[in-house]
Amino acid sequence: MNESTAKSNSHHERNSSKKKIALGLTAASFVATVGLISPFITMQLRSSLPYMATPRRKILAALKEISKRKESQSSAPNQQFKYYDLGSGDGETVLAAASTGWKATGIELNSTLWGISSLRRLFSPLSIRSRSAFIYGDIWKNSIRDADAVMIFGVKPLMPAIAEKIGNECDPGTFVMAYRFHVPICSSEQVNEKGEIRDGSLEADLIYDEEEMRIYQLRDKVDKR
């Protein structure tokens, strides 16, 4: 084999290796993209709760209002209040709550969003990391019984089911934050002679309504007749 042929073969081998590397990188990028996108597709089959971001400033304004009310109602000074986000997405509201002193927990079924929120928590200051947590799971299978405030950014058809979960698990006085979509609340006409709510609406009062952010507070259960 002469020198010219050897150089030609070497050049051909380098080009072939480059093509294989490029092909491998393209395939890996495709697999990674599919892996990141697929949870959003399967979520539509598993849950009717979509991913929609909530502006941080609106969360902070609502939490400030709730904290002011909680502190005026609490007999224990410097008490740490507990916050849950049902469908916490990229973790924005949970990290915002933790940054203001709340013990904040997000529940998220989308593995990509759960991973993003967990990474955001990991790179947050220690004070925020110590007050925040993200659960990878179904909101319907996780308890919120110790909540002082619950955040939900759902859609109208989902709100009655969420109202039922909150009403069944949370104590009177619990605050419910809802962005854009109203939580159905009951009136006296919706309560039957046994004190039961006919349509699953929440026994709560609307106490705050600013820039599409609403806060409800659970009231005492209707007395049984």
N, C-alpha and C. Protein backbone atom coordinates (compact mmCIF):
# COMPACT_ATOMS: atom_id res chain seq x y z
N MET A 1 0.86 -1.19 0.00
CA MET A 1 0.00 0.00 0.00
C MET A 1 0.90 1.24 0.00
N ASN A 2 0.67 2.12 -1.01
CA ASN A 2 1.52 3.31 -1.07
C ASN A 2 1.02 4.38 -0.10
N GLU A 3 1.82 5.43 0.04
CA GLU A 3 1.51 6.48 1.02
C GLU A 3 0.22 7.19 0.70
N SER A 4 -0.05 7.40 -0.60
CA SER A 4 -1.28 8.10 -1.01
C SER A 4 -2.52 7.30 -0.64
N THR A 5 -2.45 5.99 -0.85
CA THR A 5 -3.59 5.13 -0.53
C THR A 5 -3.82 5.09 0.98
N ALA A 6 -2.74 5.03 1.75
CA ALA A 6 -2.84 4.99 3.21
C ALA A 6 -3.50 6.26 3.73
N LYS A 7 -3.09 7.42 3.18
CA LYS A 7 -3.68 8.68 3.61
C LYS A 7 -5.17 8.73 3.27
N SER A 8 -5.50 8.20 2.08
CA SER A 8 -6.91 8.20 1.66
C SER A 8 -7.75 7.33 2.58
N ASN A 9 -7.22 6.15 2.94
CA ASN A 9 -7.96 5.26 3.85
C ASN A 9 -8.12 5.88 5.24
N SER A 10 -7.06 6.55 5.71
CA SER A 10 -7.11 7.18 7.03
C SER A 10 -8.16 8.30 7.05
N HIS A 11 -8.21 9.08 5.95
CA HIS A 11 -9.17 10.17 5.85
C HIS A 11 -10.60 9.62 5.82
N HIS A 12 -10.75 8.51 5.09
CA HIS A 12 -12.07 7.89 5.00
C HIS A 12 -12.53 7.36 6.37
N GLU A 13 -11.59 6.78 7.12
CA GLU A 13 -11.92 6.26 8.45
C GLU A 13 -12.31 7.39 9.41
N ARG A 14 -11.60 8.52 9.32
CA ARG A 14 -11.93 9.66 10.18
C ARG A 14 -13.32 10.20 9.87
N ASN A 15 -13.61 10.31 8.56
CA ASN A 15 -14.93 10.80 8.16
C ASN A 15 -16.04 9.84 8.62
N SER A 16 -15.75 8.55 8.52
CA SER A 16 -16.72 7.55 8.94
C SER A 16 -16.97 7.62 10.44
N SER A 17 -15.89 7.84 11.20
CA SER A 17 -16.02 7.95 12.66
C SER A 17 -16.82 9.18 13.03
N LYS A 18 -16.56 10.30 12.32
CA LYS A 18 -17.29 11.53 12.58
C LYS A 18 -18.78 11.36 12.31
N LYS A 19 -19.09 10.65 11.21
CA LYS A 19 -20.50 10.42 10.87
C LYS A 19 -21.18 9.57 11.94
N LYS A 20 -20.46 8.54 12.42
CA LYS A 20 -21.03 7.69 13.46
C LYS A 20 -21.28 8.47 14.74
N ILE A 21 -20.31 9.35 15.10
CA ILE A 21 -20.47 10.17 16.31
C ILE A 21 -21.66 11.11 16.16
N ALA A 22 -21.74 11.75 14.97
CA ALA A 22 -22.85 12.68 14.71
C ALA A 22 -24.18 11.96 14.76
N LEU A 23 -24.22 10.75 14.18
CA LEU A 23 -25.45 9.97 14.19
C LEU A 23 -25.82 9.56 15.61
N GLY A 24 -24.81 9.19 16.39
CA GLY A 24 -25.06 8.81 17.77
C GLY A 24 -25.59 9.98 18.60
N LEU A 25 -25.00 11.16 18.39
CA LEU A 25 -25.45 12.35 19.11
C LEU A 25 -26.87 12.73 18.72
N THR A 26 -27.17 12.60 17.43
CA THR A 26 -28.53 12.90 16.96
C THR A 26 -29.54 11.94 17.58
N ALA A 27 -29.19 10.66 17.60
CA ALA A 27 -30.09 9.65 18.19
C ALA A 27 -30.27 9.90 19.67
N ALA A 28 -29.18 10.24 20.36
CA ALA A 28 -29.26 10.50 21.80
C ALA A 28 -30.13 11.72 22.09
N SER A 29 -29.96 12.77 21.25
CA SER A 29 -30.77 13.98 21.42
C SER A 29 -32.25 13.68 21.19
N PHE A 30 -32.53 12.83 20.20
CA PHE A 30 -33.92 12.47 19.91
C PHE A 30 -34.53 11.71 21.09
N VAL A 31 -33.78 10.74 21.60
CA VAL A 31 -34.27 9.95 22.73
C VAL A 31 -34.49 10.83 23.95
N ALA A 32 -33.55 11.77 24.20
CA ALA A 32 -33.69 12.66 25.34
C ALA A 32 -34.90 13.58 25.19
N THR A 33 -35.11 14.07 23.96
CA THR A 33 -36.25 14.95 23.70
C THR A 33 -37.56 14.21 23.92
N VAL A 34 -37.63 12.98 23.39
CA VAL A 34 -38.83 12.16 23.58
C VAL A 34 -39.06 11.89 25.06
N GLY A 35 -37.96 11.61 25.77
CA GLY A 35 -38.07 11.33 27.20
C GLY A 35 -38.60 12.51 27.99
N LEU A 36 -38.21 13.72 27.58
CA LEU A 36 -38.66 14.92 28.28
C LEU A 36 -40.10 15.29 27.92
N ILE A 37 -40.48 15.04 26.66
CA ILE A 37 -41.81 15.43 26.19
C ILE A 37 -42.87 14.40 26.56
N SER A 38 -42.52 13.13 26.57
CA SER A 38 -43.51 12.08 26.76
C SER A 38 -44.34 12.23 28.04
N PRO A 39 -43.76 12.71 29.18
CA PRO A 39 -44.61 12.88 30.36
C PRO A 39 -45.77 13.84 30.14
N PHE A 40 -45.55 14.87 29.28
CA PHE A 40 -46.63 15.81 29.00
C PHE A 40 -47.75 15.15 28.21
N ILE A 41 -47.38 14.16 27.37
CA ILE A 41 -48.38 13.44 26.58
C ILE A 41 -49.13 12.44 27.45
N THR A 42 -48.38 11.65 28.22
CA THR A 42 -49.04 10.65 29.07
C THR A 42 -49.85 11.30 30.17
N MET A 43 -49.46 12.52 30.59
CA MET A 43 -50.23 13.23 31.62
C MET A 43 -51.66 13.48 31.17
N GLN A 44 -51.84 13.70 29.87
CA GLN A 44 -53.19 13.94 29.37
C GLN A 44 -54.08 12.71 29.52
N LEU A 45 -53.45 11.54 29.57
CA LEU A 45 -54.20 10.30 29.75
C LEU A 45 -54.43 10.00 31.23
N ARG A 46 -53.50 10.46 32.08
CA ARG A 46 -53.57 10.13 33.50
C ARG A 46 -54.25 11.19 34.34
N SER A 47 -54.22 12.44 33.90
CA SER A 47 -54.76 13.53 34.71
C SER A 47 -55.30 14.63 33.82
N SER A 48 -56.38 15.26 34.28
CA SER A 48 -56.95 16.39 33.54
C SER A 48 -56.39 17.72 34.03
N LEU A 49 -55.39 17.67 34.90
CA LEU A 49 -54.78 18.89 35.42
C LEU A 49 -53.63 19.30 34.51
N PRO A 50 -53.75 20.43 33.80
CA PRO A 50 -52.70 20.83 32.85
C PRO A 50 -51.58 21.58 33.55
N TYR A 51 -50.45 21.76 32.83
CA TYR A 51 -49.36 22.56 33.36
C TYR A 51 -49.52 23.98 32.86
N MET A 52 -49.69 24.91 33.80
CA MET A 52 -49.75 26.33 33.49
C MET A 52 -49.01 27.07 34.60
N ALA A 53 -48.13 27.97 34.22
CA ALA A 53 -47.32 28.68 35.21
C ALA A 53 -48.13 29.76 35.91
N THR A 54 -47.84 29.97 37.19
CA THR A 54 -48.46 31.02 37.98
C THR A 54 -47.42 32.10 38.27
N PRO A 55 -47.70 33.37 37.97
CA PRO A 55 -46.71 34.43 38.20
C PRO A 55 -46.28 34.50 39.66
N ARG A 56 -44.99 34.59 39.87
CA ARG A 56 -44.43 34.59 41.23
C ARG A 56 -44.94 35.76 42.07
N ARG A 57 -45.04 36.94 41.48
CA ARG A 57 -45.45 38.11 42.25
C ARG A 57 -46.87 37.96 42.77
N LYS A 58 -47.72 37.24 42.03
CA LYS A 58 -49.10 37.04 42.48
C LYS A 58 -49.16 36.03 43.62
N ILE A 59 -48.28 35.05 43.55
CA ILE A 59 -48.17 34.09 44.64
C ILE A 59 -47.71 34.79 45.92
N LEU A 60 -46.67 35.61 45.79
CA LEU A 60 -46.13 36.30 46.96
C LEU A 60 -47.14 37.25 47.58
N ALA A 61 -47.93 37.94 46.74
CA ALA A 61 -48.95 38.85 47.25
C ALA A 61 -50.02 38.08 48.02
N ALA A 62 -50.43 36.93 47.47
CA ALA A 62 -51.45 36.11 48.14
C ALA A 62 -50.92 35.54 49.44
N LEU A 63 -49.69 35.06 49.45
CA LEU A 63 -49.10 34.50 50.66
C LEU A 63 -48.92 35.57 51.74
N LYS A 64 -48.62 36.78 51.33
CA LYS A 64 -48.50 37.89 52.29
C LYS A 64 -49.84 38.13 52.97
N GLU A 65 -50.92 38.10 52.18
CA GLU A 65 -52.25 38.29 52.73
C GLU A 65 -52.62 37.17 53.70
N ILE A 66 -52.31 35.93 53.31
CA ILE A 66 -52.63 34.78 54.17
C ILE A 66 -51.80 34.82 55.45
N SER A 67 -50.52 35.12 55.34
CA SER A 67 -49.64 35.18 56.52
C SER A 67 -50.15 36.21 57.51
N LYS A 68 -50.58 37.36 56.99
CA LYS A 68 -51.10 38.41 57.87
C LYS A 68 -52.33 37.91 58.63
N ARG A 69 -53.22 37.22 57.93
CA ARG A 69 -54.43 36.70 58.57
C ARG A 69 -54.09 35.57 59.55
N LYS A 70 -53.17 34.68 59.15
CA LYS A 70 -52.80 33.56 60.02
C LYS A 70 -52.17 34.06 61.30
N GLU A 71 -51.30 35.04 61.19
CA GLU A 71 -50.60 35.55 62.36
C GLU A 71 -51.56 36.24 63.32
N SER A 72 -52.58 36.90 62.78
CA SER A 72 -53.55 37.58 63.64
C SER A 72 -54.48 36.58 64.33
N GLN A 73 -54.63 35.38 63.72
CA GLN A 73 -55.52 34.36 64.27
C GLN A 73 -54.80 33.35 65.15
N SER A 74 -53.47 33.27 65.03
CA SER A 74 -52.71 32.24 65.75
C SER A 74 -52.33 32.70 67.15
N SER A 75 -52.41 31.76 68.08
CA SER A 75 -52.01 32.05 69.46
C SER A 75 -50.55 31.69 69.71
N ALA A 76 -49.93 31.01 68.74
CA ALA A 76 -48.53 30.60 68.88
C ALA A 76 -47.64 31.52 68.04
N PRO A 77 -46.79 32.32 68.66
CA PRO A 77 -45.91 33.22 67.90
C PRO A 77 -44.86 32.45 67.10
N ASN A 78 -44.50 33.01 65.95
CA ASN A 78 -43.46 32.43 65.09
C ASN A 78 -43.78 31.00 64.65
N GLN A 79 -45.05 30.69 64.54
CA GLN A 79 -45.45 29.37 64.08
C GLN A 79 -45.15 29.22 62.58
N GLN A 80 -44.63 28.06 62.18
CA GLN A 80 -44.36 27.83 60.77
C GLN A 80 -45.58 27.20 60.11
N PHE A 81 -46.10 27.87 59.10
CA PHE A 81 -47.30 27.41 58.42
C PHE A 81 -46.95 26.49 57.25
N LYS A 82 -47.89 25.59 56.93
CA LYS A 82 -47.65 24.57 55.90
C LYS A 82 -48.46 24.86 54.63
N TYR A 83 -47.75 24.78 53.52
CA TYR A 83 -48.30 25.13 52.21
C TYR A 83 -48.18 23.93 51.27
N TYR A 84 -49.24 23.65 50.52
CA TYR A 84 -49.21 22.58 49.52
C TYR A 84 -49.63 23.14 48.16
N ASP A 85 -48.94 22.72 47.12
CA ASP A 85 -49.34 23.04 45.76
C ASP A 85 -49.74 21.74 45.07
N LEU A 86 -51.01 21.64 44.68
CA LEU A 86 -51.52 20.44 44.01
C LEU A 86 -51.28 20.56 42.51
N GLY A 87 -50.23 19.91 42.04
CA GLY A 87 -49.80 20.05 40.65
C GLY A 87 -48.81 21.19 40.58
N SER A 88 -47.62 20.97 41.17
CA SER A 88 -46.68 22.07 41.43
C SER A 88 -45.83 22.47 40.23
N GLY A 89 -45.96 21.78 39.09
CA GLY A 89 -45.27 22.21 37.88
C GLY A 89 -43.78 22.33 38.03
N ASP A 90 -43.24 23.51 37.66
CA ASP A 90 -41.79 23.70 37.73
C ASP A 90 -41.32 24.13 39.12
N GLY A 91 -42.24 24.14 40.10
CA GLY A 91 -41.86 24.41 41.48
C GLY A 91 -41.86 25.86 41.89
N GLU A 92 -42.29 26.76 41.01
CA GLU A 92 -42.21 28.19 41.29
C GLU A 92 -42.94 28.59 42.56
N THR A 93 -44.18 28.14 42.73
CA THR A 93 -44.95 28.58 43.90
C THR A 93 -44.39 28.00 45.20
N VAL A 94 -43.92 26.77 45.14
CA VAL A 94 -43.36 26.12 46.34
C VAL A 94 -42.10 26.85 46.79
N LEU A 95 -41.22 27.15 45.86
CA LEU A 95 -39.98 27.85 46.20
C LEU A 95 -40.27 29.28 46.68
N ALA A 96 -41.30 29.89 46.10
CA ALA A 96 -41.69 31.23 46.54
C ALA A 96 -42.20 31.18 47.98
N ALA A 97 -43.05 30.18 48.27
CA ALA A 97 -43.58 30.04 49.63
C ALA A 97 -42.46 29.78 50.63
N ALA A 98 -41.53 28.90 50.27
CA ALA A 98 -40.41 28.58 51.15
C ALA A 98 -39.54 29.81 51.40
N SER A 99 -39.42 30.67 50.39
CA SER A 99 -38.58 31.87 50.53
C SER A 99 -39.17 32.87 51.52
N THR A 100 -40.47 32.75 51.80
CA THR A 100 -41.12 33.66 52.75
C THR A 100 -41.35 33.01 54.11
N GLY A 101 -40.78 31.80 54.32
CA GLY A 101 -40.84 31.18 55.63
C GLY A 101 -41.83 30.04 55.78
N TRP A 102 -42.60 29.75 54.74
CA TRP A 102 -43.56 28.64 54.81
C TRP A 102 -42.85 27.30 54.65
N LYS A 103 -43.40 26.26 55.26
CA LYS A 103 -42.97 24.89 55.01
C LYS A 103 -43.77 24.43 53.81
N ALA A 104 -43.14 24.35 52.66
CA ALA A 104 -43.86 24.21 51.39
C ALA A 104 -43.60 22.86 50.72
N THR A 105 -44.68 22.26 50.23
CA THR A 105 -44.60 20.95 49.57
C THR A 105 -45.35 21.01 48.24
N GLY A 106 -44.71 20.52 47.20
CA GLY A 106 -45.37 20.43 45.89
C GLY A 106 -45.60 18.98 45.53
N ILE A 107 -46.74 18.70 44.93
CA ILE A 107 -47.07 17.35 44.47
C ILE A 107 -47.23 17.41 42.95
N GLU A 108 -46.45 16.62 42.23
CA GLU A 108 -46.44 16.71 40.77
C GLU A 108 -46.35 15.31 40.14
N LEU A 109 -47.23 15.06 39.16
CA LEU A 109 -47.28 13.75 38.51
C LEU A 109 -46.43 13.69 37.25
N ASN A 110 -46.09 14.84 36.69
CA ASN A 110 -45.27 14.89 35.47
C ASN A 110 -43.80 14.75 35.87
N SER A 111 -43.16 13.68 35.43
CA SER A 111 -41.79 13.39 35.88
C SER A 111 -40.79 14.46 35.42
N THR A 112 -41.00 15.03 34.24
CA THR A 112 -40.09 16.07 33.75
C THR A 112 -40.19 17.31 34.63
N LEU A 113 -41.41 17.75 34.91
CA LEU A 113 -41.60 18.93 35.76
C LEU A 113 -41.13 18.67 37.18
N TRP A 114 -41.39 17.47 37.68
CA TRP A 114 -40.90 17.12 39.01
C TRP A 114 -39.37 17.19 39.04
N GLY A 115 -38.71 16.70 37.98
CA GLY A 115 -37.26 16.75 37.92
C GLY A 115 -36.74 18.18 37.86
N ILE A 116 -37.41 19.03 37.08
CA ILE A 116 -37.01 20.43 37.00
C ILE A 116 -37.15 21.12 38.35
N SER A 117 -38.28 20.90 39.00
CA SER A 117 -38.50 21.55 40.30
C SER A 117 -37.51 21.04 41.34
N SER A 118 -37.18 19.76 41.29
CA SER A 118 -36.22 19.20 42.24
C SER A 118 -34.83 19.79 42.02
N LEU A 119 -34.46 20.00 40.75
CA LEU A 119 -33.17 20.63 40.45
C LEU A 119 -33.15 22.08 40.91
N ARG A 120 -34.26 22.78 40.70
CA ARG A 120 -34.34 24.17 41.15
C ARG A 120 -34.18 24.24 42.67
N ARG A 121 -34.79 23.31 43.36
CA ARG A 121 -34.66 23.27 44.83
C ARG A 121 -33.21 22.99 45.21
N LEU A 122 -32.58 22.04 44.50
CA LEU A 122 -31.20 21.66 44.80
C LEU A 122 -30.25 22.85 44.72
N PHE A 123 -30.51 23.75 43.77
CA PHE A 123 -29.62 24.90 43.57
C PHE A 123 -30.12 26.16 44.27
N SER A 124 -31.10 26.00 45.16
CA SER A 124 -31.61 27.12 45.94
C SER A 124 -30.80 27.26 47.23
N PRO A 125 -30.89 28.41 47.88
CA PRO A 125 -30.20 28.58 49.17
C PRO A 125 -30.66 27.54 50.19
N LEU A 126 -29.81 27.25 51.15
CA LEU A 126 -30.09 26.23 52.16
C LEU A 126 -31.41 26.50 52.88
N SER A 127 -31.69 27.76 53.19
CA SER A 127 -32.92 28.09 53.91
C SER A 127 -34.16 27.67 53.13
N ILE A 128 -34.11 27.80 51.81
CA ILE A 128 -35.24 27.40 50.97
C ILE A 128 -35.30 25.89 50.84
N ARG A 129 -34.14 25.26 50.68
CA ARG A 129 -34.11 23.79 50.57
C ARG A 129 -34.68 23.14 51.82
N SER A 130 -34.36 23.70 52.97
CA SER A 130 -34.81 23.09 54.24
C SER A 130 -36.31 23.24 54.45
N ARG A 131 -36.92 24.20 53.76
CA ARG A 131 -38.36 24.43 53.95
C ARG A 131 -39.21 23.95 52.77
N SER A 132 -38.61 23.30 51.81
CA SER A 132 -39.35 22.88 50.62
C SER A 132 -39.15 21.41 50.31
N ALA A 133 -40.13 20.82 49.64
CA ALA A 133 -40.05 19.42 49.23
C ALA A 133 -40.95 19.23 48.02
N PHE A 134 -40.56 18.28 47.17
CA PHE A 134 -41.36 17.95 46.00
C PHE A 134 -41.64 16.45 45.98
N ILE A 135 -42.92 16.12 45.90
CA ILE A 135 -43.35 14.72 45.87
C ILE A 135 -43.73 14.36 44.44
N TYR A 136 -43.14 13.29 43.95
CA TYR A 136 -43.52 12.78 42.63
C TYR A 136 -44.69 11.82 42.82
N GLY A 137 -45.88 12.26 42.46
CA GLY A 137 -47.04 11.41 42.68
C GLY A 137 -48.34 12.09 42.29
N ASP A 138 -49.42 11.37 42.53
CA ASP A 138 -50.78 11.78 42.18
C ASP A 138 -51.37 12.63 43.30
N ILE A 139 -51.93 13.79 42.98
CA ILE A 139 -52.48 14.66 44.01
C ILE A 139 -53.63 13.98 44.75
N TRP A 140 -54.34 13.07 44.08
CA TRP A 140 -55.49 12.42 44.70
C TRP A 140 -55.06 11.37 45.72
N LYS A 141 -53.80 10.92 45.66
CA LYS A 141 -53.32 9.86 46.54
C LYS A 141 -52.44 10.39 47.66
N ASN A 142 -52.25 11.70 47.73
CA ASN A 142 -51.40 12.28 48.77
C ASN A 142 -52.23 13.16 49.70
N SER A 143 -52.00 13.00 50.98
CA SER A 143 -52.77 13.72 51.98
C SER A 143 -52.32 15.17 52.13
N ILE A 144 -53.30 16.05 52.38
CA ILE A 144 -53.00 17.46 52.65
C ILE A 144 -53.67 17.87 53.97
N ARG A 145 -53.84 16.92 54.86
CA ARG A 145 -54.62 17.14 56.08
C ARG A 145 -54.01 18.16 57.03
N ASP A 146 -52.71 18.38 56.95
CA ASP A 146 -52.08 19.33 57.87
C ASP A 146 -51.85 20.70 57.22
N ALA A 147 -52.49 20.95 56.08
CA ALA A 147 -52.25 22.19 55.34
C ALA A 147 -52.84 23.41 56.05
N ASP A 148 -52.08 24.49 56.00
CA ASP A 148 -52.61 25.80 56.38
C ASP A 148 -53.08 26.55 55.13
N ALA A 149 -52.46 26.24 53.99
CA ALA A 149 -52.85 26.84 52.72
C ALA A 149 -52.61 25.83 51.60
N VAL A 150 -53.52 25.82 50.64
CA VAL A 150 -53.43 24.91 49.50
C VAL A 150 -53.53 25.75 48.22
N MET A 151 -52.62 25.50 47.29
CA MET A 151 -52.63 26.21 46.01
C MET A 151 -53.08 25.27 44.91
N ILE A 152 -53.95 25.77 44.03
CA ILE A 152 -54.37 24.97 42.88
C ILE A 152 -54.53 25.87 41.66
N PHE A 153 -53.93 25.45 40.55
CA PHE A 153 -54.16 26.12 39.27
C PHE A 153 -54.77 25.05 38.36
N GLY A 154 -56.04 24.84 38.53
CA GLY A 154 -56.72 23.80 37.77
C GLY A 154 -57.53 24.38 36.64
N VAL A 155 -58.45 23.62 36.13
CA VAL A 155 -59.38 24.09 35.11
C VAL A 155 -60.79 23.85 35.63
N LYS A 156 -61.76 24.54 35.04
CA LYS A 156 -63.11 24.54 35.57
C LYS A 156 -63.69 23.14 35.81
N PRO A 157 -63.58 22.19 34.85
CA PRO A 157 -64.17 20.87 35.09
C PRO A 157 -63.56 20.11 36.26
N LEU A 158 -62.32 20.48 36.63
CA LEU A 158 -61.61 19.77 37.69
C LEU A 158 -61.91 20.33 39.08
N MET A 159 -62.38 21.56 39.14
CA MET A 159 -62.54 22.24 40.42
C MET A 159 -63.48 21.54 41.41
N PRO A 160 -64.62 20.98 41.00
CA PRO A 160 -65.47 20.30 41.98
C PRO A 160 -64.77 19.14 42.69
N ALA A 161 -63.98 18.37 41.94
CA ALA A 161 -63.26 17.25 42.54
C ALA A 161 -62.19 17.75 43.52
N ILE A 162 -61.53 18.84 43.16
CA ILE A 162 -60.53 19.42 44.05
C ILE A 162 -61.20 19.98 45.30
N ALA A 163 -62.34 20.63 45.10
CA ALA A 163 -63.09 21.17 46.25
C ALA A 163 -63.48 20.05 47.20
N GLU A 164 -63.88 18.92 46.65
CA GLU A 164 -64.26 17.78 47.49
C GLU A 164 -63.07 17.25 48.28
N LYS A 165 -61.91 17.13 47.62
CA LYS A 165 -60.69 16.65 48.31
C LYS A 165 -60.31 17.60 49.45
N ILE A 166 -60.29 18.90 49.15
CA ILE A 166 -59.91 19.88 50.17
C ILE A 166 -60.93 19.88 51.31
N GLY A 167 -62.21 19.83 50.96
CA GLY A 167 -63.25 19.83 51.98
C GLY A 167 -63.20 18.62 52.88
N ASN A 168 -62.82 17.46 52.32
CA ASN A 168 -62.76 16.23 53.09
C ASN A 168 -61.53 16.16 53.99
N GLU A 169 -60.41 16.77 53.54
CA GLU A 169 -59.14 16.59 54.24
C GLU A 169 -58.71 17.78 55.11
N CYS A 170 -59.13 18.97 54.76
CA CYS A 170 -58.59 20.16 55.44
C CYS A 170 -59.54 20.68 56.52
N ASP A 171 -58.94 21.28 57.54
CA ASP A 171 -59.71 21.81 58.67
C ASP A 171 -60.29 23.17 58.35
N PRO A 172 -61.37 23.54 59.06
CA PRO A 172 -61.88 24.91 58.94
C PRO A 172 -60.77 25.91 59.23
N GLY A 173 -60.76 27.00 58.48
CA GLY A 173 -59.70 28.00 58.64
C GLY A 173 -58.61 27.87 57.60
N THR A 174 -58.52 26.70 56.94
CA THR A 174 -57.51 26.50 55.89
C THR A 174 -57.78 27.46 54.73
N PHE A 175 -56.71 27.98 54.16
CA PHE A 175 -56.83 28.90 53.03
C PHE A 175 -56.60 28.13 51.72
N VAL A 176 -57.36 28.48 50.70
CA VAL A 176 -57.24 27.85 49.39
C VAL A 176 -56.95 28.94 48.37
N MET A 177 -55.82 28.81 47.68
CA MET A 177 -55.43 29.77 46.65
C MET A 177 -55.76 29.17 45.28
N ALA A 178 -56.41 29.95 44.43
CA ALA A 178 -56.77 29.48 43.09
C ALA A 178 -56.49 30.58 42.08
N TYR A 179 -55.71 30.25 41.06
CA TYR A 179 -55.37 31.24 40.04
C TYR A 179 -56.25 31.02 38.80
N ARG A 180 -56.87 32.08 38.35
CA ARG A 180 -57.73 32.14 37.16
C ARG A 180 -59.09 31.50 37.35
N PHE A 181 -59.11 30.23 37.76
CA PHE A 181 -60.38 29.52 37.81
C PHE A 181 -60.96 29.52 39.22
N HIS A 182 -62.27 29.75 39.30
CA HIS A 182 -62.95 29.79 40.58
C HIS A 182 -63.08 28.40 41.20
N VAL A 183 -62.97 28.34 42.51
CA VAL A 183 -63.34 27.12 43.25
C VAL A 183 -64.82 27.24 43.58
N PRO A 184 -65.63 26.22 43.30
CA PRO A 184 -67.06 26.31 43.63
C PRO A 184 -67.28 26.32 45.13
N ILE A 185 -67.95 27.34 45.63
CA ILE A 185 -68.26 27.41 47.05
C ILE A 185 -69.77 27.35 47.23
N CYS A 186 -70.19 26.81 48.35
CA CYS A 186 -71.61 26.54 48.55
C CYS A 186 -72.31 27.71 49.24
N SER A 187 -73.61 27.79 49.01
CA SER A 187 -74.47 28.73 49.72
C SER A 187 -75.43 27.92 50.58
N SER A 188 -76.23 28.60 51.37
CA SER A 188 -77.15 27.88 52.26
C SER A 188 -78.15 27.06 51.45
N GLU A 189 -78.46 27.49 50.23
CA GLU A 189 -79.42 26.77 49.40
C GLU A 189 -78.88 25.43 48.92
N GLN A 190 -77.55 25.25 48.97
CA GLN A 190 -76.95 24.03 48.47
C GLN A 190 -76.76 22.99 49.57
N VAL A 191 -77.26 23.28 50.76
CA VAL A 191 -77.14 22.36 51.88
C VAL A 191 -78.50 21.73 52.15
N ASN A 192 -78.56 20.40 52.25
CA ASN A 192 -79.84 19.73 52.47
C ASN A 192 -80.19 19.70 53.96
N GLU A 193 -81.29 19.04 54.27
CA GLU A 193 -81.79 19.04 55.65
C GLU A 193 -80.85 18.33 56.62
N LYS A 194 -79.90 17.53 56.12
CA LYS A 194 -78.93 16.84 56.98
C LYS A 194 -77.63 17.63 57.12
N GLY A 195 -77.61 18.81 56.51
CA GLY A 195 -76.38 19.60 56.57
C GLY A 195 -75.35 19.17 55.55
N GLU A 196 -75.74 18.41 54.54
CA GLU A 196 -74.82 17.91 53.52
C GLU A 196 -74.87 18.81 52.28
N ILE A 197 -73.70 19.01 51.68
CA ILE A 197 -73.63 19.82 50.46
C ILE A 197 -74.07 18.97 49.28
N ARG A 198 -74.96 19.51 48.49
CA ARG A 198 -75.54 18.71 47.42
C ARG A 198 -74.60 18.49 46.24
N ASP A 199 -73.77 19.48 45.92
CA ASP A 199 -73.00 19.37 44.69
C ASP A 199 -71.50 19.25 44.88
N GLY A 200 -71.05 19.02 46.10
CA GLY A 200 -69.62 18.87 46.34
C GLY A 200 -68.86 20.17 46.41
N SER A 201 -69.57 21.29 46.48
CA SER A 201 -68.90 22.58 46.58
C SER A 201 -68.21 22.73 47.94
N LEU A 202 -67.32 23.69 48.00
CA LEU A 202 -66.52 23.90 49.20
C LEU A 202 -67.23 24.86 50.16
N GLU A 203 -67.23 24.52 51.42
CA GLU A 203 -67.78 25.42 52.44
C GLU A 203 -66.69 26.43 52.78
N ALA A 204 -66.71 27.55 52.06
CA ALA A 204 -65.64 28.54 52.20
C ALA A 204 -66.15 29.92 51.81
N ASP A 205 -65.38 30.93 52.23
CA ASP A 205 -65.68 32.32 51.88
C ASP A 205 -64.56 32.87 51.00
N LEU A 206 -64.92 33.62 49.98
CA LEU A 206 -63.93 34.30 49.15
C LEU A 206 -63.47 35.55 49.89
N ILE A 207 -62.18 35.61 50.23
CA ILE A 207 -61.69 36.73 51.05
C ILE A 207 -60.69 37.61 50.30
N TYR A 208 -60.30 37.20 49.09
CA TYR A 208 -59.29 37.96 48.34
C TYR A 208 -59.49 37.68 46.86
N ASP A 209 -59.48 38.73 46.04
CA ASP A 209 -59.66 38.56 44.60
C ASP A 209 -58.91 39.68 43.89
N GLU A 210 -57.66 39.39 43.50
CA GLU A 210 -56.81 40.38 42.86
C GLU A 210 -56.08 39.76 41.68
N GLU A 211 -56.20 40.38 40.51
CA GLU A 211 -55.47 39.96 39.32
C GLU A 211 -55.59 38.45 39.04
N GLU A 212 -56.80 37.96 39.12
CA GLU A 212 -57.12 36.56 38.84
C GLU A 212 -56.65 35.58 39.92
N MET A 213 -56.04 36.09 40.97
CA MET A 213 -55.68 35.24 42.10
C MET A 213 -56.75 35.38 43.17
N ARG A 214 -57.28 34.26 43.59
CA ARG A 214 -58.33 34.27 44.61
C ARG A 214 -57.91 33.45 45.82
N ILE A 215 -58.35 33.92 46.98
CA ILE A 215 -58.11 33.18 48.22
C ILE A 215 -59.46 32.90 48.87
N TYR A 216 -59.66 31.65 49.22
CA TYR A 216 -60.85 31.24 49.95
C TYR A 216 -60.42 30.75 51.32
N GLN A 217 -61.29 30.90 52.31
CA GLN A 217 -61.01 30.34 53.63
C GLN A 217 -62.14 29.41 54.03
N LEU A 218 -61.76 28.17 54.39
CA LEU A 218 -62.77 27.20 54.79
C LEU A 218 -63.45 27.65 56.06
N ARG A 219 -64.76 27.58 56.07
CA ARG A 219 -65.51 27.93 57.26
C ARG A 219 -65.92 26.67 58.00
N ASP A 220 -66.46 26.84 59.19
CA ASP A 220 -66.90 25.70 59.99
C ASP A 220 -67.96 24.92 59.23
N LYS A 221 -67.94 23.60 59.41
CA LYS A 221 -68.93 22.75 58.77
C LYS A 221 -70.33 23.14 59.20
N VAL A 222 -71.26 23.01 58.26
CA VAL A 222 -72.65 23.34 58.58
C VAL A 222 -73.16 22.35 59.61
N ASP A 223 -73.82 22.86 60.64
CA ASP A 223 -74.35 22.00 61.68
C ASP A 223 -75.40 21.04 61.13
N LYS A 224 -75.35 19.80 61.58
CA LYS A 224 -76.38 18.83 61.20
C LYS A 224 -77.71 19.19 61.85
N ARG A 225 -78.73 19.09 61.12
CA ARG A 225 -80.08 19.34 61.67
C ARG A 225 -80.63 18.09 62.33
